[in-house]
Structure formats: C-alpha cells, structure tokens
Amino acid sequence: MPINFYSINKASSKEVKDVLYRYNLKGVNKPKKTPYHTLKSHLVLAGKNGKYKLIRFGQQGVKGITAFPKNKQKKARENFQKRHKKNIQKGIFYPGYWANKVKW
C-alpha cells in the first residue's frame, strides 16, 4: 500500500524518489511553482529526520512581496509575518513556513 504523503510519515528512499518523480520536484525541501493547479501556487516535499510530507502552499495568482511598490515592501512583509506568526513557527511541515520562505 502506498504511503500517504499528505500527512507526516516515515518513508523509504524509493517511495521518496517516486514522489519526487511524480511531481517533477528537484529534491526534498525544494519548492516548485505549480501554475496549473487551481488553488495553490507552489508544491514542496518537506522532509526532516526521515519523515516526509507533501505540502501545497500559496494562493494562486498572488505575487507576494513583488506585488507591492518598493517603498511598501518592508511593511507588507512585516504585516504578513505578524499575521501568520504561529503558522510560521510550527516548522517545515506547515504551509505558513514555506509561504514565508518562498513568497515573502
């Protein structure tokens, strides 16, 4: 029975390679844009200590920090980080961490 990568699980290297191949990812903890997904803009296979989880994050069509003029980017970044502080602190197995790292 294949492992469900949408929850945190231990996986063999073969299973991880299969997921990387299926989603055309460069590696573990390497986000990829998903322009054809209806809801989410990025995908990453997060991994730590032999545990893995497939995470989709980011609202499709939103550009993150680049949507703001240069003089307002710092304030926009700070507001995002305040708003999502708890989710960012949860770590690599949560979408808030990756949205902060990649989009902001």
N, C-alpha and C. Protein backbone atom coordinates (compact mmCIF):
# COMPACT_ATOMS: atom_id res chain seq x y z
N MET A 1 0.84 -1.19 0.00
CA MET A 1 0.00 0.00 0.00
C MET A 1 0.89 1.25 0.00
N PRO A 2 0.66 2.20 -0.92
CA PRO A 2 1.50 3.39 -0.98
C PRO A 2 1.29 4.30 0.22
N ILE A 3 2.32 5.05 0.55
CA ILE A 3 2.26 5.96 1.70
C ILE A 3 1.52 7.23 1.30
N ASN A 4 0.71 7.74 2.22
CA ASN A 4 0.01 9.00 2.02
C ASN A 4 0.96 10.13 2.39
N PHE A 5 1.45 10.86 1.41
CA PHE A 5 2.40 11.92 1.67
C PHE A 5 1.73 13.23 2.07
N TYR A 6 0.41 13.23 2.22
CA TYR A 6 -0.27 14.44 2.68
C TYR A 6 -0.34 14.50 4.19
N SER A 7 0.19 13.49 4.88
CA SER A 7 0.36 13.54 6.32
C SER A 7 1.81 13.16 6.61
N ILE A 8 2.30 13.48 7.79
CA ILE A 8 3.70 13.23 8.12
C ILE A 8 3.92 11.74 8.32
N ASN A 9 4.81 11.15 7.52
CA ASN A 9 5.08 9.72 7.57
C ASN A 9 6.55 9.44 7.36
N LYS A 10 6.97 8.29 7.88
CA LYS A 10 8.31 7.79 7.54
C LYS A 10 8.18 7.10 6.19
N ALA A 11 9.24 7.22 5.37
CA ALA A 11 9.18 6.63 4.04
C ALA A 11 10.56 6.14 3.63
N SER A 12 10.56 5.12 2.77
CA SER A 12 11.82 4.62 2.24
C SER A 12 12.32 5.55 1.14
N SER A 13 13.59 5.41 0.79
CA SER A 13 14.15 6.28 -0.24
C SER A 13 13.47 6.04 -1.60
N LYS A 14 13.04 4.82 -1.86
CA LYS A 14 12.35 4.52 -3.12
C LYS A 14 11.02 5.26 -3.20
N GLU A 15 10.28 5.26 -2.09
CA GLU A 15 8.99 5.95 -2.07
C GLU A 15 9.19 7.46 -2.26
N VAL A 16 10.22 8.00 -1.63
CA VAL A 16 10.51 9.43 -1.77
C VAL A 16 10.87 9.74 -3.22
N LYS A 17 11.71 8.92 -3.83
CA LYS A 17 12.10 9.13 -5.23
C LYS A 17 10.89 9.06 -6.15
N ASP A 18 9.96 8.15 -5.86
CA ASP A 18 8.74 8.03 -6.67
C ASP A 18 7.92 9.32 -6.61
N VAL A 19 7.80 9.90 -5.41
CA VAL A 19 7.03 11.14 -5.26
C VAL A 19 7.75 12.29 -5.96
N LEU A 20 9.06 12.35 -5.81
CA LEU A 20 9.82 13.40 -6.49
C LEU A 20 9.64 13.31 -8.00
N TYR A 21 9.66 12.10 -8.52
CA TYR A 21 9.49 11.90 -9.97
C TYR A 21 8.06 12.24 -10.40
N ARG A 22 7.08 11.79 -9.63
CA ARG A 22 5.67 12.01 -9.99
C ARG A 22 5.33 13.49 -10.09
N TYR A 23 5.86 14.30 -9.17
CA TYR A 23 5.56 15.73 -9.15
C TYR A 23 6.66 16.57 -9.80
N ASN A 24 7.67 15.92 -10.37
CA ASN A 24 8.77 16.59 -11.06
C ASN A 24 9.48 17.60 -10.15
N LEU A 25 9.78 17.18 -8.92
CA LEU A 25 10.47 18.02 -7.96
C LEU A 25 11.98 17.78 -8.05
N LYS A 26 12.76 18.80 -7.75
CA LYS A 26 14.22 18.70 -7.81
C LYS A 26 14.80 17.95 -6.61
N GLY A 27 14.11 17.99 -5.47
CA GLY A 27 14.60 17.31 -4.28
C GLY A 27 13.71 17.62 -3.08
N VAL A 28 14.09 17.05 -1.96
CA VAL A 28 13.36 17.28 -0.71
C VAL A 28 13.66 18.70 -0.24
N ASN A 29 12.63 19.39 0.24
CA ASN A 29 12.72 20.77 0.73
C ASN A 29 13.09 21.75 -0.39
N LYS A 30 12.73 21.43 -1.63
CA LYS A 30 12.97 22.32 -2.77
C LYS A 30 11.61 22.65 -3.40
N PRO A 31 11.06 23.84 -3.12
CA PRO A 31 9.74 24.19 -3.64
C PRO A 31 9.71 24.33 -5.16
N LYS A 32 8.54 24.11 -5.73
CA LYS A 32 8.34 24.22 -7.17
C LYS A 32 7.04 24.96 -7.44
N LYS A 33 7.04 25.83 -8.44
CA LYS A 33 5.80 26.51 -8.83
C LYS A 33 4.86 25.52 -9.50
N THR A 34 3.57 25.68 -9.24
CA THR A 34 2.56 24.84 -9.88
C THR A 34 1.53 25.75 -10.55
N PRO A 35 1.84 26.27 -11.74
CA PRO A 35 0.96 27.25 -12.38
C PRO A 35 -0.39 26.70 -12.82
N TYR A 36 -0.49 25.38 -12.98
CA TYR A 36 -1.74 24.82 -13.48
C TYR A 36 -2.63 24.26 -12.37
N HIS A 37 -2.19 24.36 -11.11
CA HIS A 37 -3.04 23.92 -10.00
C HIS A 37 -4.10 24.99 -9.78
N THR A 38 -5.32 24.58 -9.49
CA THR A 38 -6.42 25.54 -9.41
C THR A 38 -6.35 26.45 -8.20
N LEU A 39 -5.81 25.99 -7.08
CA LEU A 39 -5.84 26.78 -5.86
C LEU A 39 -4.47 27.24 -5.36
N LYS A 40 -3.48 26.37 -5.40
CA LYS A 40 -2.20 26.65 -4.75
C LYS A 40 -1.09 26.89 -5.78
N SER A 41 -0.19 27.81 -5.44
CA SER A 41 0.83 28.23 -6.41
C SER A 41 2.14 27.46 -6.32
N HIS A 42 2.40 26.77 -5.20
CA HIS A 42 3.66 26.07 -5.02
C HIS A 42 3.44 24.70 -4.38
N LEU A 43 4.45 23.84 -4.56
CA LEU A 43 4.43 22.48 -4.02
C LEU A 43 5.83 22.15 -3.51
N VAL A 44 5.90 21.47 -2.37
CA VAL A 44 7.19 21.06 -1.82
C VAL A 44 7.03 19.74 -1.09
N LEU A 45 8.02 18.88 -1.20
CA LEU A 45 8.08 17.66 -0.38
C LEU A 45 9.00 17.99 0.79
N ALA A 46 8.39 18.28 1.95
CA ALA A 46 9.16 18.66 3.13
C ALA A 46 9.64 17.39 3.82
N GLY A 47 10.88 17.41 4.28
CA GLY A 47 11.43 16.25 4.95
C GLY A 47 12.38 16.63 6.06
N LYS A 48 12.29 15.86 7.16
CA LYS A 48 13.16 16.09 8.31
C LYS A 48 13.21 14.81 9.13
N ASN A 49 14.41 14.36 9.46
CA ASN A 49 14.62 13.17 10.30
C ASN A 49 13.90 11.94 9.75
N GLY A 50 13.91 11.76 8.45
CA GLY A 50 13.31 10.57 7.84
C GLY A 50 11.80 10.62 7.72
N LYS A 51 11.18 11.74 8.06
CA LYS A 51 9.73 11.91 7.92
C LYS A 51 9.48 12.90 6.79
N TYR A 52 8.40 12.66 6.04
CA TYR A 52 8.12 13.46 4.85
C TYR A 52 6.64 13.85 4.78
N LYS A 53 6.39 15.00 4.14
CA LYS A 53 5.02 15.45 3.92
C LYS A 53 4.99 16.30 2.65
N LEU A 54 3.99 16.07 1.81
CA LEU A 54 3.79 16.85 0.60
C LEU A 54 2.92 18.05 0.94
N ILE A 55 3.40 19.24 0.65
CA ILE A 55 2.70 20.47 1.05
C ILE A 55 2.46 21.35 -0.16
N ARG A 56 1.22 21.78 -0.31
CA ARG A 56 0.87 22.80 -1.30
C ARG A 56 0.63 24.09 -0.53
N PHE A 57 1.17 25.21 -1.05
CA PHE A 57 1.03 26.47 -0.33
C PHE A 57 0.98 27.63 -1.30
N GLY A 58 0.53 28.77 -0.83
CA GLY A 58 0.48 30.00 -1.61
C GLY A 58 -0.78 30.10 -2.45
N GLN A 59 -1.39 31.26 -2.42
CA GLN A 59 -2.60 31.47 -3.20
C GLN A 59 -2.24 31.68 -4.66
N GLN A 60 -2.91 30.96 -5.54
CA GLN A 60 -2.65 31.05 -6.97
C GLN A 60 -2.97 32.47 -7.46
N GLY A 61 -2.08 33.06 -8.22
CA GLY A 61 -2.32 34.38 -8.79
C GLY A 61 -1.81 35.53 -7.95
N VAL A 62 -1.46 35.30 -6.70
CA VAL A 62 -0.94 36.35 -5.84
C VAL A 62 0.58 36.34 -5.93
N LYS A 63 1.18 37.49 -6.07
CA LYS A 63 2.62 37.56 -6.30
C LYS A 63 3.44 37.72 -5.03
N GLY A 64 2.80 37.85 -3.88
CA GLY A 64 3.55 38.00 -2.64
C GLY A 64 4.17 39.39 -2.55
N ILE A 65 5.41 39.44 -2.15
CA ILE A 65 6.07 40.72 -1.89
C ILE A 65 6.26 41.55 -3.15
N THR A 66 6.39 40.91 -4.29
CA THR A 66 6.63 41.67 -5.52
C THR A 66 5.40 42.43 -6.00
N ALA A 67 4.24 42.18 -5.40
CA ALA A 67 3.03 42.90 -5.78
C ALA A 67 3.00 44.32 -5.23
N PHE A 68 3.90 44.62 -4.29
CA PHE A 68 3.91 45.93 -3.65
C PHE A 68 5.03 46.79 -4.23
N PRO A 69 4.81 48.12 -4.25
CA PRO A 69 5.89 49.01 -4.68
C PRO A 69 7.08 48.90 -3.70
N LYS A 70 8.26 49.23 -4.17
CA LYS A 70 9.49 49.08 -3.37
C LYS A 70 9.38 49.74 -2.00
N ASN A 71 8.77 50.91 -1.93
CA ASN A 71 8.72 51.64 -0.67
C ASN A 71 7.75 51.03 0.34
N LYS A 72 6.91 50.08 -0.07
CA LYS A 72 5.96 49.45 0.85
C LYS A 72 6.24 47.97 1.09
N GLN A 73 7.28 47.44 0.47
CA GLN A 73 7.55 46.00 0.59
C GLN A 73 7.93 45.58 2.01
N LYS A 74 8.74 46.38 2.67
CA LYS A 74 9.18 46.01 4.02
C LYS A 74 7.99 45.94 4.98
N LYS A 75 7.11 46.92 4.91
CA LYS A 75 5.94 46.95 5.79
C LYS A 75 5.00 45.79 5.47
N ALA A 76 4.82 45.48 4.19
CA ALA A 76 3.95 44.37 3.79
C ALA A 76 4.51 43.05 4.31
N ARG A 77 5.83 42.86 4.23
CA ARG A 77 6.47 41.64 4.73
C ARG A 77 6.26 41.51 6.25
N GLU A 78 6.46 42.62 6.96
CA GLU A 78 6.28 42.60 8.42
C GLU A 78 4.84 42.26 8.79
N ASN A 79 3.88 42.84 8.07
CA ASN A 79 2.47 42.56 8.35
C ASN A 79 2.13 41.09 8.10
N PHE A 80 2.66 40.52 7.01
CA PHE A 80 2.43 39.10 6.73
C PHE A 80 2.99 38.24 7.85
N GLN A 81 4.21 38.55 8.29
CA GLN A 81 4.85 37.74 9.31
C GLN A 81 4.15 37.88 10.67
N LYS A 82 3.62 39.03 10.98
CA LYS A 82 2.84 39.20 12.22
C LYS A 82 1.54 38.39 12.15
N ARG A 83 0.87 38.47 11.00
CA ARG A 83 -0.41 37.82 10.81
C ARG A 83 -0.29 36.29 10.88
N HIS A 84 0.83 35.75 10.40
CA HIS A 84 1.00 34.30 10.30
C HIS A 84 2.08 33.76 11.23
N LYS A 85 2.39 34.49 12.28
CA LYS A 85 3.49 34.14 13.17
C LYS A 85 3.40 32.72 13.71
N LYS A 86 2.22 32.33 14.20
CA LYS A 86 2.05 30.99 14.79
C LYS A 86 2.27 29.90 13.74
N ASN A 87 1.77 30.09 12.54
CA ASN A 87 1.93 29.09 11.49
C ASN A 87 3.37 28.99 11.00
N ILE A 88 4.08 30.11 10.97
CA ILE A 88 5.47 30.10 10.55
C ILE A 88 6.33 29.36 11.56
N GLN A 89 6.05 29.55 12.84
CA GLN A 89 6.84 28.94 13.90
C GLN A 89 6.63 27.43 14.03
N LYS A 90 5.58 26.90 13.44
CA LYS A 90 5.32 25.46 13.55
C LYS A 90 6.38 24.63 12.83
N GLY A 91 7.05 25.18 11.84
CA GLY A 91 8.15 24.48 11.20
C GLY A 91 7.86 24.04 9.78
N ILE A 92 8.76 23.19 9.25
CA ILE A 92 8.75 22.89 7.81
C ILE A 92 7.58 22.03 7.35
N PHE A 93 6.85 21.43 8.26
CA PHE A 93 5.72 20.59 7.85
C PHE A 93 4.40 21.37 7.73
N TYR A 94 4.49 22.70 7.73
CA TYR A 94 3.30 23.53 7.64
C TYR A 94 3.44 24.56 6.52
N PRO A 95 2.34 24.82 5.80
CA PRO A 95 2.39 25.73 4.64
C PRO A 95 2.82 27.15 4.97
N GLY A 96 2.49 27.65 6.17
CA GLY A 96 2.87 29.01 6.54
C GLY A 96 4.37 29.22 6.52
N TYR A 97 5.11 28.23 6.95
CA TYR A 97 6.58 28.30 6.93
C TYR A 97 7.08 28.49 5.50
N TRP A 98 6.55 27.70 4.59
CA TRP A 98 7.02 27.75 3.20
C TRP A 98 6.55 29.02 2.50
N ALA A 99 5.34 29.49 2.78
CA ALA A 99 4.87 30.74 2.17
C ALA A 99 5.77 31.89 2.59
N ASN A 100 6.14 31.92 3.86
CA ASN A 100 7.03 32.96 4.35
C ASN A 100 8.40 32.87 3.69
N LYS A 101 8.91 31.67 3.54
CA LYS A 101 10.24 31.48 2.98
C LYS A 101 10.30 31.77 1.48
N VAL A 102 9.30 31.35 0.74
CA VAL A 102 9.34 31.44 -0.72
C VAL A 102 8.69 32.72 -1.26
N LYS A 103 7.50 33.03 -0.78
CA LYS A 103 6.76 34.14 -1.38
C LYS A 103 7.03 35.48 -0.71
N TRP A 104 7.48 35.47 0.55
CA TRP A 104 7.68 36.73 1.27
C TRP A 104 9.13 36.88 1.65
